[in-house]
């Protein structure tokens, strides 16, 4: 339980007027001693197990013949361990946490039969499609938790604990959010954890084990096969302990969000949801190995209020979870890798349009982006030609995407999926370059040379000097960057001030300004087919446009920007 010990005091007001502390004189009592006890000094101690649903306990101080004094203790269920996630199961619990009450909520611990939820929605979860040899198991012990949970018959096809279609809220007519606390063990890819919607076909929303990496305990979001990971490396494990799973369907915007305490997955431009099962387990695939401890749902504007990085992450944080992505990721000691807008803002910086976590990926690279109204896949970079993933980076905790020194190798956004635009742009990449045999090895950049121009960062393979290429005019630095270290490369194309700049931690380079045809083919490596890619390992990449980019064409502001990200500069 939350708040294990409380000290209460009593003040008496006498007929003559003065008041005094009478804590030691009164008789203390509680109306529910199964959850808490009180001693003669007014110290309330919550029972270690207590009732799973918590309580609003009345505490009374009596001193005859005076009128008894009363107060209320809001007891919110939680559990043991360094993390004490709260499980609000009454309206008063949510209010005490500064949150709006959800429509339905209840504990799944220590059950012996049906699962009774409380709240205004008033629907019940029941086990479905459980093979006789597996069964739905109640009172499952969970490591690190004092209480036990309920399993939906792990591995059985269609095994779930659910409310059927037509029962409870209808996502075909309203936005909806589901919250679950569960221990999910390593499972085969695409096994289902948690979701809502139809049993098959269109209008289905699930959180599933990552289909790309079987038996790894990873999590992805599936919405008719469309998904987009935004934070957390793909190797983030969720099979180590109990995690929260928050699934938000924003019917108004067409967005779907999936949150855990370790990562976010996202889908935009999604088709309309249909009514169906609201469940933990599987609706038509095998269920993941898992045990559920808590479940809740809400609808409408309240559900939509969680459809954002800050909103969803802060909600889980308010419930007692240590949410990793609310703080800016760092590596190599002090280097910052801001992925979400919240990360940029937390550093006092303007959020960039798109940021890519290139560490520990295994396939196409998705970004967290703040573009609106674009194709869902607009900022997914797809690989070509011999990319290798999860390469060690000396001095860095995580790994990187490695590019070979060959023609046309790239990881790029193509086919104009983000649309054409004119104006200023900046690219930021963290990478470690290796020795090359020739000149003009490409690191990153954008735009199609066949349409009138390119703006890219490259380096001379002969001497390791950084270069910025604008419309075919190359400006070269003076410091060899082939020292086995990761360096930042900040390239700025400023239309308003007619500036081209390239900054690293070792030097500032002024390039030659030229007018570009800005039809994007943006990414890493040989952006244009036929270019020679630099042999390099990349850990982070980001893009911004407009006034955000233009601020960085000033040497002083660029210097402060890189220092804010943790880079020690020598210029």
Protein backbone atom coordinates (compact mmCIF):
# COMPACT_ATOMS: atom_id res chain seq x y z
CA UNK A 1 0.00 0.00 0.00
CA UNK A 2 1.06 3.59 -0.50
CA UNK A 3 1.87 5.68 2.56
CA UNK A 4 2.78 2.88 4.98
CA UNK A 5 2.77 5.07 8.12
CA UNK A 6 0.94 8.29 8.92
CA UNK A 7 1.03 10.41 12.07
CA UNK A 8 -2.31 12.00 13.01
CA UNK A 9 -2.87 14.70 15.61
CA UNK A 10 -5.92 16.03 17.44
CA UNK A 11 -6.56 19.58 18.61
CA UNK A 12 -9.24 20.38 21.19
CA UNK A 13 -11.02 23.73 21.59
CA UNK A 14 -12.33 24.38 25.10
CA UNK A 15 -15.46 26.29 26.09
CA UNK A 16 -13.27 29.03 27.57
CA UNK A 17 -11.75 29.66 24.14
CA UNK A 18 -8.15 28.40 24.03
CA UNK A 19 -7.13 25.26 22.11
CA UNK A 20 -4.57 22.57 22.91
CA UNK A 21 -2.94 19.47 21.45
CA UNK A 22 -4.92 16.49 22.81
CA UNK A 23 -3.35 13.80 20.59
CA UNK A 24 -2.25 11.73 23.61
CA UNK A 25 -5.62 12.14 25.42
CA UNK A 26 -8.07 10.97 22.78
CA UNK A 27 -9.06 7.43 21.85
CA UNK A 28 -8.20 6.68 18.23
CA UNK A 29 -10.22 4.28 16.04
CA UNK A 30 -10.57 3.21 12.41
CA UNK A 31 -13.61 1.87 10.62
CA UNK A 32 -11.61 -0.79 8.72
CA UNK A 33 -8.82 -2.47 10.68
CA UNK A 34 -8.29 -5.09 7.96
CA UNK A 35 -6.39 -2.46 5.98
CA UNK A 36 -4.82 -0.33 8.72
CA UNK A 37 -4.33 -0.08 12.47
CA UNK A 38 -3.93 2.95 14.74
CA UNK A 39 -2.13 3.17 18.10
CA UNK A 40 -2.77 5.39 21.09
CA UNK A 41 -0.51 8.13 19.69
CA UNK A 42 -2.44 8.46 16.43
CA UNK A 43 0.09 6.58 14.30
CA UNK A 44 -1.68 4.75 11.47
CA UNK A 45 0.07 1.73 9.98
CA UNK A 46 -1.17 0.11 6.77
CA UNK A 47 -1.22 -3.65 6.65
CA UNK A 48 1.46 -5.10 4.31
CA UNK A 49 -1.07 -7.10 2.30
CA UNK A 50 -4.38 -5.39 3.00
CA UNK A 51 -7.29 -5.49 0.60
CA UNK A 52 -6.42 -5.26 -3.04
CA UNK A 53 -9.02 -2.61 -3.75
CA UNK A 54 -7.76 -0.16 -1.12
CA UNK A 55 -10.18 1.98 0.82
CA UNK A 56 -11.26 5.35 2.07
CA UNK A 57 -10.79 4.77 5.80
CA UNK A 58 -12.44 6.96 8.41
CA UNK A 59 -10.26 7.79 11.39
CA UNK A 60 -11.91 9.06 14.57
CA UNK A 61 -10.51 10.80 17.65
CA UNK A 62 -12.83 10.64 20.69
CA UNK A 63 -12.59 12.51 23.99
CA UNK A 64 -15.85 12.32 25.98
CA UNK A 65 -18.03 14.26 26.30
CA UNK A 66 -16.65 16.26 23.35
CA UNK A 67 -17.81 15.74 19.79
CA UNK A 68 -15.57 13.17 18.07
CA UNK A 69 -13.24 14.48 15.39
CA UNK A 70 -13.02 12.58 12.10
CA UNK A 71 -10.83 12.47 9.01
CA UNK A 72 -10.33 10.30 5.94
CA UNK A 73 -7.28 8.31 4.85
CA UNK A 74 -7.21 7.50 1.12
CA UNK A 75 -5.41 4.16 0.82
CA UNK A 76 -4.23 3.50 -2.75
CA UNK A 77 -3.09 -0.06 -3.51
CA UNK A 78 0.55 -0.48 -4.52
CA UNK A 79 3.15 -3.19 -4.07
CA UNK A 80 6.64 -3.86 -2.79
CA UNK A 81 10.07 -3.19 -4.18
CA UNK A 82 12.00 -0.09 -5.15
CA UNK A 83 9.27 0.70 -7.65
CA UNK A 84 5.92 1.16 -5.93
CA UNK A 85 3.44 1.57 -8.80
CA UNK A 86 0.03 2.65 -7.63
CA UNK A 87 -3.17 0.88 -8.65
CA UNK A 88 -6.05 3.35 -8.21
CA UNK A 89 -9.36 1.51 -7.97
CA UNK A 90 -11.72 4.13 -6.62
CA UNK A 91 -12.53 7.60 -7.85
CA UNK A 92 -11.00 9.01 -4.67
CA UNK A 93 -7.68 7.28 -5.49
CA UNK A 94 -7.40 9.05 -8.86
CA UNK A 95 -8.41 12.39 -7.35
CA UNK A 96 -5.83 12.00 -4.56
CA UNK A 97 -3.16 11.60 -7.27
CA UNK A 98 -4.34 14.72 -9.09
CA UNK A 99 -5.80 12.64 -11.92
CA UNK A 100 -9.28 12.35 -13.42
CA UNK A 101 -10.99 9.06 -12.51
CA UNK A 102 -10.96 6.41 -15.21
CA UNK A 103 -14.17 4.67 -16.22
CA UNK A 104 -13.22 1.18 -15.09
CA UNK A 105 -10.45 -0.12 -12.89
CA UNK A 106 -9.71 -3.06 -10.68
CA UNK A 107 -7.12 -5.42 -9.26
CA UNK A 108 -6.40 -8.77 -10.84
CA UNK A 109 -4.37 -10.00 -7.89
CA UNK A 110 -5.41 -12.75 -5.53
CA UNK A 111 -8.48 -13.58 -7.58
CA UNK A 112 -10.38 -16.82 -7.20
CA UNK A 113 -12.89 -16.49 -10.02
CA UNK A 114 -14.39 -13.68 -12.07
CA UNK A 115 -12.68 -10.32 -12.11
CA UNK A 116 -14.86 -7.54 -10.75
CA UNK A 117 -13.96 -4.01 -11.75
CA UNK A 118 -15.18 -0.78 -10.25
CA UNK A 119 -15.91 2.58 -11.84
CA UNK A 120 -18.62 4.09 -13.97
CA UNK A 121 -18.13 1.84 -17.03
CA UNK A 122 -19.25 -1.20 -15.08
CA UNK A 123 -18.07 -4.15 -17.15
CA UNK A 124 -16.40 -7.39 -16.15
CA UNK A 125 -13.44 -9.29 -17.58
CA UNK A 126 -13.80 -13.05 -17.93
CA UNK A 127 -11.48 -15.80 -19.24
CA UNK A 128 -12.08 -16.98 -22.83
CA UNK A 129 -10.76 -19.80 -25.07
CA UNK A 130 -8.49 -21.41 -22.52
CA UNK A 131 -7.41 -24.96 -23.32
CA UNK A 132 -8.19 -27.48 -20.58
CA UNK A 133 -4.53 -28.42 -20.34
CA UNK A 134 -3.46 -24.83 -19.77
CA UNK A 135 -6.33 -23.12 -17.92
CA UNK A 136 -6.56 -19.59 -16.72
CA UNK A 137 -4.44 -19.56 -13.58
CA UNK A 138 -5.28 -17.38 -10.60
CA UNK A 139 -2.95 -16.57 -7.72
CA UNK A 140 0.17 -16.68 -9.87
CA UNK A 141 3.23 -15.50 -7.87
CA UNK A 142 5.08 -12.55 -9.42
CA UNK A 143 8.77 -12.01 -8.50
CA UNK A 144 9.28 -8.87 -6.46
CA UNK A 145 5.59 -8.36 -5.76
CA UNK A 146 3.88 -9.25 -2.51
CA UNK A 147 0.67 -10.22 -4.22
CA UNK A 148 -0.14 -12.61 -7.01
CA UNK A 149 -1.78 -12.23 -10.42
CA UNK A 150 -3.79 -13.96 -13.10
CA UNK A 151 -2.56 -15.65 -16.30
CA UNK A 152 -4.73 -15.97 -19.43
CA UNK A 153 -3.50 -19.42 -20.42
CA UNK A 154 -0.13 -18.52 -21.94
CA UNK A 155 0.60 -19.96 -25.36
CA UNK A 156 -2.97 -21.03 -26.03
CA UNK A 157 -4.50 -19.71 -29.24
CA UNK A 158 -7.09 -17.04 -28.48
CA UNK A 159 -6.60 -17.34 -24.73
CA UNK A 160 -7.52 -14.08 -23.05
CA UNK A 161 -9.12 -12.33 -20.13
CA UNK A 162 -11.56 -10.01 -21.81
CA UNK A 163 -14.77 -8.09 -22.15
CA UNK A 164 -16.51 -9.19 -25.33
CA UNK A 165 -17.67 -6.98 -28.20
CA UNK A 166 -20.77 -5.07 -27.17
CA UNK A 167 -19.70 -5.05 -23.52
CA UNK A 168 -18.36 -1.82 -22.08
CA UNK A 169 -17.07 1.13 -24.15
CA UNK A 170 -17.23 0.93 -27.93
CA UNK A 171 -14.03 2.15 -29.67
CA UNK A 172 -16.03 2.43 -32.90
CA UNK A 173 -17.70 5.51 -31.42
CA UNK A 174 -15.25 6.89 -28.86
CA UNK A 175 -11.55 7.28 -28.12
CA UNK A 176 -10.31 4.72 -25.64
CA UNK A 177 -7.29 3.97 -23.45
CA UNK A 178 -6.34 0.73 -21.75
CA UNK A 179 -3.81 0.32 -18.94
CA UNK A 180 -2.32 -2.93 -17.71
CA UNK A 181 0.44 -3.92 -15.28
CA UNK A 182 1.87 -7.27 -16.29
CA UNK A 183 4.87 -9.57 -16.18
CA UNK A 184 5.32 -10.77 -19.77
CA UNK A 185 7.89 -13.48 -20.29
CA UNK A 186 9.95 -14.11 -23.45
CA UNK A 187 7.55 -15.17 -26.19
CA UNK A 188 7.65 -15.96 -29.89
CA UNK A 189 7.28 -13.02 -32.25
CA UNK A 190 3.78 -11.60 -32.79
CA UNK A 191 2.31 -13.27 -29.73
CA UNK A 192 -0.28 -10.92 -28.32
CA UNK A 193 -0.08 -9.14 -25.00
CA UNK A 194 -2.84 -6.59 -24.73
CA UNK A 195 -5.36 -4.83 -26.94
CA UNK A 196 -8.84 -4.03 -28.22
CA UNK A 197 -10.81 -4.35 -31.42
CA UNK A 198 -12.06 -6.95 -33.86
CA UNK A 199 -10.93 -10.56 -33.72
CA UNK A 200 -9.36 -10.28 -37.16
CA UNK A 201 -9.08 -7.98 -40.14
CA UNK A 202 -9.53 -4.22 -40.05
CA UNK A 203 -9.97 -2.19 -36.90
CA UNK A 204 -7.63 -4.14 -34.64
CA UNK A 205 -5.17 -2.68 -32.18
CA UNK A 206 -2.68 -4.76 -30.23
CA UNK A 207 0.54 -4.59 -28.29
CA UNK A 208 2.55 -7.61 -29.35
CA UNK A 209 5.96 -9.19 -28.94
CA UNK A 210 8.30 -7.85 -31.62
CA UNK A 211 7.84 -10.01 -34.73
CA UNK A 212 11.40 -9.29 -35.87
CA UNK A 213 13.09 -10.77 -32.84
CA UNK A 214 11.50 -13.90 -31.45
CA UNK A 215 11.67 -14.83 -27.79
CA UNK A 216 13.26 -11.56 -26.76
CA UNK A 217 10.60 -10.04 -24.54
CA UNK A 218 10.42 -6.92 -26.69
CA UNK A 219 7.28 -4.94 -27.41
CA UNK A 220 5.80 -3.41 -30.55
CA UNK A 221 2.47 -1.92 -31.50
CA UNK A 222 0.38 -3.52 -34.22
CA UNK A 223 -2.42 -1.62 -35.89
CA UNK A 224 -3.36 -3.47 -39.05
CA UNK A 225 0.33 -4.14 -39.54
CA UNK A 226 1.39 -0.48 -39.26
CA UNK A 227 3.80 0.42 -36.49
CA UNK A 228 6.42 2.98 -35.67
CA UNK A 229 8.88 2.80 -32.80
CA UNK A 230 9.90 6.19 -31.47
CA UNK A 231 11.93 5.74 -28.31
CA UNK A 232 14.03 3.04 -26.75
CA UNK A 233 16.43 0.75 -28.61
CA UNK A 234 14.85 -2.26 -30.28
CA UNK A 235 16.72 -4.49 -27.86
CA UNK A 236 14.87 -3.06 -24.85
CA UNK A 237 13.66 -6.05 -22.87
CA UNK A 238 10.26 -6.26 -21.21
CA UNK A 239 10.55 -9.81 -19.90
CA UNK A 240 12.62 -8.93 -16.84
CA UNK A 241 9.92 -7.67 -14.46
CA UNK A 242 6.46 -6.16 -14.22
CA UNK A 243 5.93 -3.26 -16.65
CA UNK A 244 3.00 -0.95 -17.37
CA UNK A 245 1.35 -1.14 -20.80
CA UNK A 246 -0.69 1.91 -21.79
CA UNK A 247 -2.55 1.72 -25.10
CA UNK A 248 -4.27 4.90 -26.38
CA UNK A 249 -6.60 5.09 -29.39
CA UNK A 250 -7.34 8.72 -30.29
CA UNK A 251 -10.32 8.43 -32.57
CA UNK A 252 -10.38 12.19 -33.24
CA UNK A 253 -6.83 12.38 -34.63
CA UNK A 254 -6.49 8.83 -35.93
CA UNK A 255 -3.37 8.35 -33.80
CA UNK A 256 -2.55 5.27 -31.77
CA UNK A 257 0.01 5.35 -28.97
CA UNK A 258 1.58 2.52 -27.03
CA UNK A 259 3.58 3.29 -23.88
CA UNK A 260 5.61 1.25 -21.44
CA UNK A 261 8.01 2.64 -18.86
CA UNK A 262 10.85 1.97 -21.34
CA UNK A 263 9.63 2.84 -24.83
CA UNK A 264 6.94 4.39 -27.01
CA UNK A 265 5.47 3.05 -30.23
CA UNK A 266 3.16 5.03 -32.46
CA UNK A 267 0.88 4.80 -35.47
CA UNK A 268 -0.63 7.75 -37.30
CA UNK A 269 -3.15 8.03 -40.13
CA UNK A 270 -4.81 4.91 -38.76
CA UNK A 271 -8.13 3.52 -40.00
CA UNK A 272 -11.16 3.65 -37.74
CA UNK A 273 -11.31 1.20 -34.86
CA UNK A 274 -14.17 -1.30 -34.60
CA UNK A 275 -15.77 -2.76 -31.52
CA UNK A 276 -14.39 -6.02 -30.24
CA UNK A 277 -12.66 -7.62 -27.31
CA UNK A 278 -10.92 -5.50 -24.70
CA UNK A 279 -8.42 -7.90 -23.28
CA UNK A 280 -5.15 -9.12 -21.85
CA UNK A 281 -3.92 -12.08 -23.85
CA UNK A 282 -4.78 -12.91 -27.47
CA UNK A 283 -7.89 -12.55 -29.61
CA UNK A 284 -6.83 -14.80 -32.48
CA UNK A 285 -3.10 -15.59 -32.05
CA UNK A 286 -1.26 -17.41 -29.27
CA UNK A 287 -1.12 -15.41 -26.06
CA UNK A 288 2.21 -14.27 -24.71
CA UNK A 289 3.44 -15.85 -21.52
CA UNK A 290 2.20 -13.31 -19.00
CA UNK A 291 0.59 -12.54 -15.66
CA UNK A 292 -1.68 -9.53 -15.20
CA UNK A 293 -1.82 -7.59 -11.93
CA UNK A 294 -3.91 -4.52 -12.70
CA UNK A 295 -6.26 -3.35 -15.45
CA UNK A 296 -8.08 -0.10 -16.22
CA UNK A 297 -9.83 1.67 -19.09
CA UNK A 298 -11.17 5.11 -19.93
CA UNK A 299 -12.81 6.79 -22.91
CA UNK A 300 -13.44 10.08 -24.68
CA UNK A 301 -11.50 13.25 -23.99
CA UNK A 302 -9.81 11.67 -20.98
CA UNK A 303 -8.32 8.92 -23.16
CA UNK A 304 -7.21 11.49 -25.75
CA UNK A 305 -5.42 13.49 -23.06
CA UNK A 306 -2.79 10.73 -22.86
CA UNK A 307 -2.02 10.79 -26.62
CA UNK A 308 1.38 12.44 -26.46
CA UNK A 309 4.90 11.73 -25.24
CA UNK A 310 4.78 14.06 -22.27
CA UNK A 311 1.20 13.15 -21.47
CA UNK A 312 1.49 9.36 -21.65
CA UNK A 313 4.89 9.25 -20.00
CA UNK A 314 3.93 11.69 -17.24
CA UNK A 315 0.79 9.67 -16.51
CA UNK A 316 2.82 6.51 -15.91
CA UNK A 317 5.28 8.52 -13.84
CA UNK A 318 2.42 9.84 -11.66
CA UNK A 319 1.44 6.24 -10.99
CA UNK A 320 4.89 5.54 -9.56
CA UNK A 321 6.75 4.12 -12.56
CA UNK A 322 10.31 5.14 -13.42
CA UNK A 323 9.74 6.30 -17.02
CA UNK A 324 13.10 6.28 -18.80
CA UNK A 325 12.25 8.42 -21.83
CA UNK A 326 11.09 11.45 -19.83
CA UNK A 327 14.77 12.22 -19.34
CA UNK A 328 17.06 12.87 -22.27
CA UNK A 329 19.11 9.76 -23.16
CA UNK A 330 22.86 10.13 -22.83
CA UNK A 331 25.87 8.05 -23.69
CA UNK A 332 29.64 8.07 -23.34
CA UNK A 333 29.19 9.78 -20.01
CA UNK A 334 27.72 13.17 -20.87
CA UNK A 335 26.68 13.19 -24.54
CA UNK A 336 22.95 13.86 -24.99
CA UNK A 337 20.83 12.12 -27.63
CA UNK A 338 17.47 13.96 -27.60
CA UNK A 339 14.81 11.85 -29.28
CA UNK A 340 11.47 13.32 -28.24
CA UNK A 341 10.35 16.97 -28.14
CA UNK A 342 10.38 16.65 -24.35
CA UNK A 343 14.09 15.76 -24.48
CA UNK A 344 14.92 18.84 -26.53
CA UNK A 345 12.82 21.11 -24.33
CA UNK A 346 14.36 19.63 -21.19
CA UNK A 347 17.74 20.85 -22.44
CA UNK A 348 16.34 24.32 -23.12
CA UNK A 349 16.44 23.74 -26.90
CA UNK A 350 13.81 23.99 -29.62
CA UNK A 351 12.56 20.52 -30.66
CA UNK A 352 13.91 19.30 -33.99
CA UNK A 353 11.57 18.03 -36.69
CA UNK A 354 12.81 14.43 -36.68
CA UNK A 355 15.28 12.52 -34.52
CA UNK A 356 16.52 9.00 -35.15
CA UNK A 357 17.86 6.63 -32.50
CA UNK A 358 20.30 4.59 -34.58
CA UNK A 359 21.52 2.45 -31.71
CA UNK A 360 20.83 -1.27 -31.57
CA UNK A 361 18.41 -1.31 -34.49
CA UNK A 362 17.89 -4.37 -36.65
CA UNK A 363 16.08 -3.10 -39.74
CA UNK A 364 14.27 0.03 -40.95
CA UNK A 365 14.95 3.03 -38.69
CA UNK A 366 11.98 5.01 -37.38
CA UNK A 367 12.21 8.45 -35.86
CA UNK A 368 10.34 10.50 -33.39
CA UNK A 369 9.08 13.31 -35.58
CA UNK A 370 6.96 16.38 -35.08
CA UNK A 371 5.77 16.66 -38.70
CA UNK A 372 2.00 16.79 -39.01
CA UNK A 373 -0.15 15.62 -41.88
CA UNK A 374 2.58 13.55 -43.53
CA UNK A 375 2.55 9.98 -44.68
CA UNK A 376 3.02 7.59 -41.76
CA UNK A 377 6.19 6.19 -43.31
CA UNK A 378 7.62 9.60 -44.18
CA UNK A 379 10.41 9.46 -41.64
CA UNK A 380 11.17 5.75 -41.76
CA UNK A 381 14.62 5.28 -43.26
CA UNK A 382 15.10 2.05 -45.17
CA UNK A 383 18.49 0.41 -45.78
CA UNK A 384 20.23 -0.63 -48.97
CA UNK A 385 23.48 -2.50 -49.56
CA UNK A 386 25.26 -4.17 -46.70
CA UNK A 387 24.23 -2.16 -43.64
CA UNK A 388 25.34 -3.90 -40.46
CA UNK A 389 23.60 -3.21 -37.19
CA UNK A 390 24.52 -3.20 -33.51
CA UNK A 391 28.21 -2.51 -34.00
CA UNK A 392 30.23 -1.71 -30.92
CA UNK A 393 31.15 1.93 -30.39
CA UNK A 394 34.33 2.36 -28.32
CA UNK A 395 33.53 4.35 -25.19
CA UNK A 396 29.76 4.22 -25.77
CA UNK A 397 27.28 2.10 -23.88
CA UNK A 398 25.14 1.30 -26.88
CA UNK A 399 25.88 0.20 -30.40
CA UNK A 400 25.55 1.72 -33.87
CA UNK A 401 24.65 1.26 -37.52
CA UNK A 402 27.77 0.66 -39.61
CA UNK A 403 28.15 1.66 -43.25
CA UNK A 404 30.61 0.08 -45.71
CA UNK A 405 32.95 2.06 -47.95
CA UNK A 406 31.09 1.26 -51.17
CA UNK A 407 28.95 3.03 -53.76
CA UNK A 408 25.21 3.57 -53.13
CA UNK A 409 25.15 2.22 -49.55
CA UNK A 410 22.65 4.32 -47.62
CA UNK A 411 19.90 4.47 -45.04
CA UNK A 412 17.48 7.02 -46.40
CA UNK A 413 14.02 8.56 -46.57
CA UNK A 414 13.09 8.35 -50.26
CA UNK A 415 10.20 8.84 -52.70
CA UNK A 416 9.44 12.34 -51.42
CA UNK A 417 7.38 10.95 -48.57
CA UNK A 418 7.96 14.04 -46.47
CA UNK A 419 7.09 16.33 -49.38
CA UNK A 420 9.02 19.13 -51.02
CA UNK A 421 9.82 22.33 -49.16
CA UNK A 422 11.98 25.35 -49.58
CA UNK A 423 13.93 27.02 -46.83
CA UNK A 424 16.64 26.43 -44.30
CA UNK A 425 17.63 23.03 -42.95
CA UNK A 426 20.11 21.57 -40.47
CA UNK A 427 21.37 18.03 -40.01
CA UNK A 428 23.04 16.67 -36.88
CA UNK A 429 24.84 13.35 -36.84
CA UNK A 430 26.98 11.55 -34.29
CA UNK A 431 29.37 9.19 -36.02
CA UNK A 432 32.79 7.59 -35.97
CA UNK A 433 34.57 7.56 -39.33
CA UNK A 434 37.16 5.06 -40.52
CA UNK A 435 39.98 5.35 -43.04
CA UNK A 436 38.93 5.44 -46.69
CA UNK A 437 40.77 5.00 -49.94
CA UNK A 438 39.46 7.97 -51.90
CA UNK A 439 37.94 11.44 -51.70
CA UNK A 440 34.40 12.68 -51.16
CA UNK A 441 33.13 9.87 -48.95
CA UNK A 442 29.50 10.71 -48.00
CA UNK A 443 28.32 10.71 -44.35
CA UNK A 444 24.80 12.17 -44.53
CA UNK A 445 22.67 14.89 -46.08
CA UNK A 446 19.90 15.26 -48.61
CA UNK A 447 18.37 16.28 -51.92
CA UNK A 448 18.75 14.89 -55.38
CA UNK A 449 21.66 16.06 -57.51
CA UNK A 450 19.74 15.18 -60.67
CA UNK A 451 17.15 17.82 -59.74
CA UNK A 452 19.62 20.63 -59.21
CA UNK A 453 21.58 20.28 -56.00
CA UNK A 454 22.63 18.48 -52.88
CA UNK A 455 23.64 19.45 -49.38
CA UNK A 456 25.67 16.81 -47.63
CA UNK A 457 28.45 16.13 -45.14
CA UNK A 458 31.36 14.11 -46.39
CA UNK A 459 35.04 13.65 -45.67
CA UNK A 460 38.21 13.16 -47.60
CA UNK A 461 39.14 9.51 -47.43
CA UNK A 462 42.78 10.42 -48.14
CA UNK A 463 43.32 12.57 -45.05
CA UNK A 464 40.14 12.29 -42.94
CA UNK A 465 39.23 15.96 -43.26
CA UNK A 466 35.51 16.88 -42.86
CA UNK A 467 33.82 18.53 -45.84
CA UNK A 468 30.50 20.23 -46.58
CA UNK A 469 29.18 19.95 -50.13
CA UNK A 470 26.57 22.50 -51.29
CA UNK A 471 25.47 22.26 -54.94
CA UNK A 472 28.71 20.52 -55.81
CA UNK A 473 31.04 23.08 -54.18
CA UNK A 474 33.13 21.42 -51.46
CA UNK A 475 34.57 23.25 -48.43
CA UNK A 476 37.16 21.34 -46.40
CA UNK A 477 38.28 21.45 -42.75
CA UNK A 478 41.79 21.08 -41.39
CA UNK A 479 41.52 18.35 -38.71
CA UNK A 480 41.72 14.61 -39.29
CA UNK A 481 38.69 13.05 -37.54
CA UNK A 482 39.79 9.41 -37.97
CA UNK A 483 40.75 8.94 -34.31
CA UNK A 484 38.40 6.05 -33.37
CA UNK A 485 36.14 8.49 -31.50
CA UNK A 486 32.53 9.52 -32.12
CA UNK A 487 32.27 13.15 -33.28
CA UNK A 488 29.26 15.43 -33.81
CA UNK A 489 28.71 16.80 -37.33
CA UNK A 490 26.29 19.75 -37.47
CA UNK A 491 25.57 20.97 -41.02
CA UNK A 492 23.44 24.12 -41.55
CA UNK A 493 21.95 25.51 -44.78
CA UNK A 494 20.56 28.99 -44.02
CA UNK A 495 18.48 30.55 -46.83
CA UNK A 496 17.72 33.80 -44.98
CA UNK A 497 21.34 34.64 -44.16
CA UNK A 498 22.87 32.92 -47.24
CA UNK A 499 25.12 30.77 -45.05
CA UNK A 500 26.44 27.23 -45.21
CA UNK A 501 28.18 25.87 -42.12
CA UNK A 502 29.65 22.62 -40.86
CA UNK A 503 30.58 22.27 -37.22
CA UNK A 504 32.27 19.43 -35.36
CA UNK A 505 33.72 19.37 -31.87
CA UNK A 506 37.13 20.12 -33.45
CA UNK A 507 36.39 22.95 -35.87
CA UNK A 508 33.93 25.30 -37.60
CA UNK A 509 33.88 25.30 -41.42
CA UNK A 510 32.26 27.95 -43.64
CA UNK A 511 30.89 26.54 -46.87
CA UNK A 512 29.81 28.04 -50.17
CA UNK A 513 26.13 29.02 -50.40
CA UNK A 514 24.17 27.99 -53.47
CA UNK A 515 20.49 27.64 -54.37
CA UNK A 516 19.27 24.06 -54.04
CA UNK A 517 16.40 22.09 -55.46
CA UNK A 518 15.00 20.78 -52.20
CA UNK A 519 13.21 17.60 -53.15
CA UNK A 520 14.14 15.38 -50.22
CA UNK A 521 16.08 12.15 -50.37
CA UNK A 522 17.34 12.56 -46.83
CA UNK A 523 19.38 10.15 -44.76
CA UNK A 524 22.74 8.60 -43.99
CA UNK A 525 25.46 7.34 -46.28
CA UNK A 526 25.30 7.73 -50.06
CA UNK A 527 22.04 9.68 -50.25
CA UNK A 528 22.17 9.68 -54.04
CA UNK A 529 22.64 6.38 -55.82
CA UNK A 530 26.15 6.07 -57.17
CA UNK A 531 27.80 8.18 -54.47
CA UNK A 532 30.49 6.47 -52.43
CA UNK A 533 29.51 5.94 -48.82
CA UNK A 534 31.93 6.69 -46.01
CA UNK A 535 33.01 3.81 -43.83
CA UNK A 536 31.42 5.03 -40.59
CA UNK A 537 29.35 4.01 -37.56
CA UNK A 538 26.35 6.24 -36.77
CA UNK A 539 24.60 6.47 -33.39
CA UNK A 540 22.28 9.48 -33.72
CA UNK A 541 20.78 11.59 -36.52
CA UNK A 542 18.39 14.54 -36.46
CA UNK A 543 16.85 17.06 -38.87
CA UNK A 544 15.34 20.52 -38.35
CA UNK A 545 14.14 23.26 -40.68
CA UNK A 546 13.23 26.95 -40.81
CA UNK A 547 14.16 29.35 -38.04
CA UNK A 548 15.31 26.51 -35.77
CA UNK A 549 18.00 25.68 -38.34
CA UNK A 550 18.91 29.30 -39.08
CA UNK A 551 19.79 30.01 -35.45
CA UNK A 552 22.60 27.49 -35.78
CA UNK A 553 24.38 29.17 -38.70
CA UNK A 554 25.78 31.62 -36.14
CA UNK A 555 29.08 30.34 -34.73
CA UNK A 556 28.33 31.39 -31.15
CA UNK A 557 24.89 29.76 -31.10
CA UNK A 558 26.20 26.61 -32.77
CA UNK A 559 28.96 26.41 -30.16
CA UNK A 560 26.49 26.75 -27.30
CA UNK A 561 24.17 24.21 -28.94
CA UNK A 562 26.84 21.52 -29.14
CA UNK A 563 28.02 22.29 -25.60
CA UNK A 564 24.43 21.90 -24.36
CA UNK A 565 24.41 18.43 -25.93
CA UNK A 566 27.52 17.62 -23.90
CA UNK A 567 30.28 17.97 -26.47
CA UNK A 568 33.57 19.59 -25.38
CA UNK A 569 34.65 21.96 -28.12
CA UNK A 570 38.19 23.07 -28.98
CA UNK A 571 37.26 26.00 -31.24
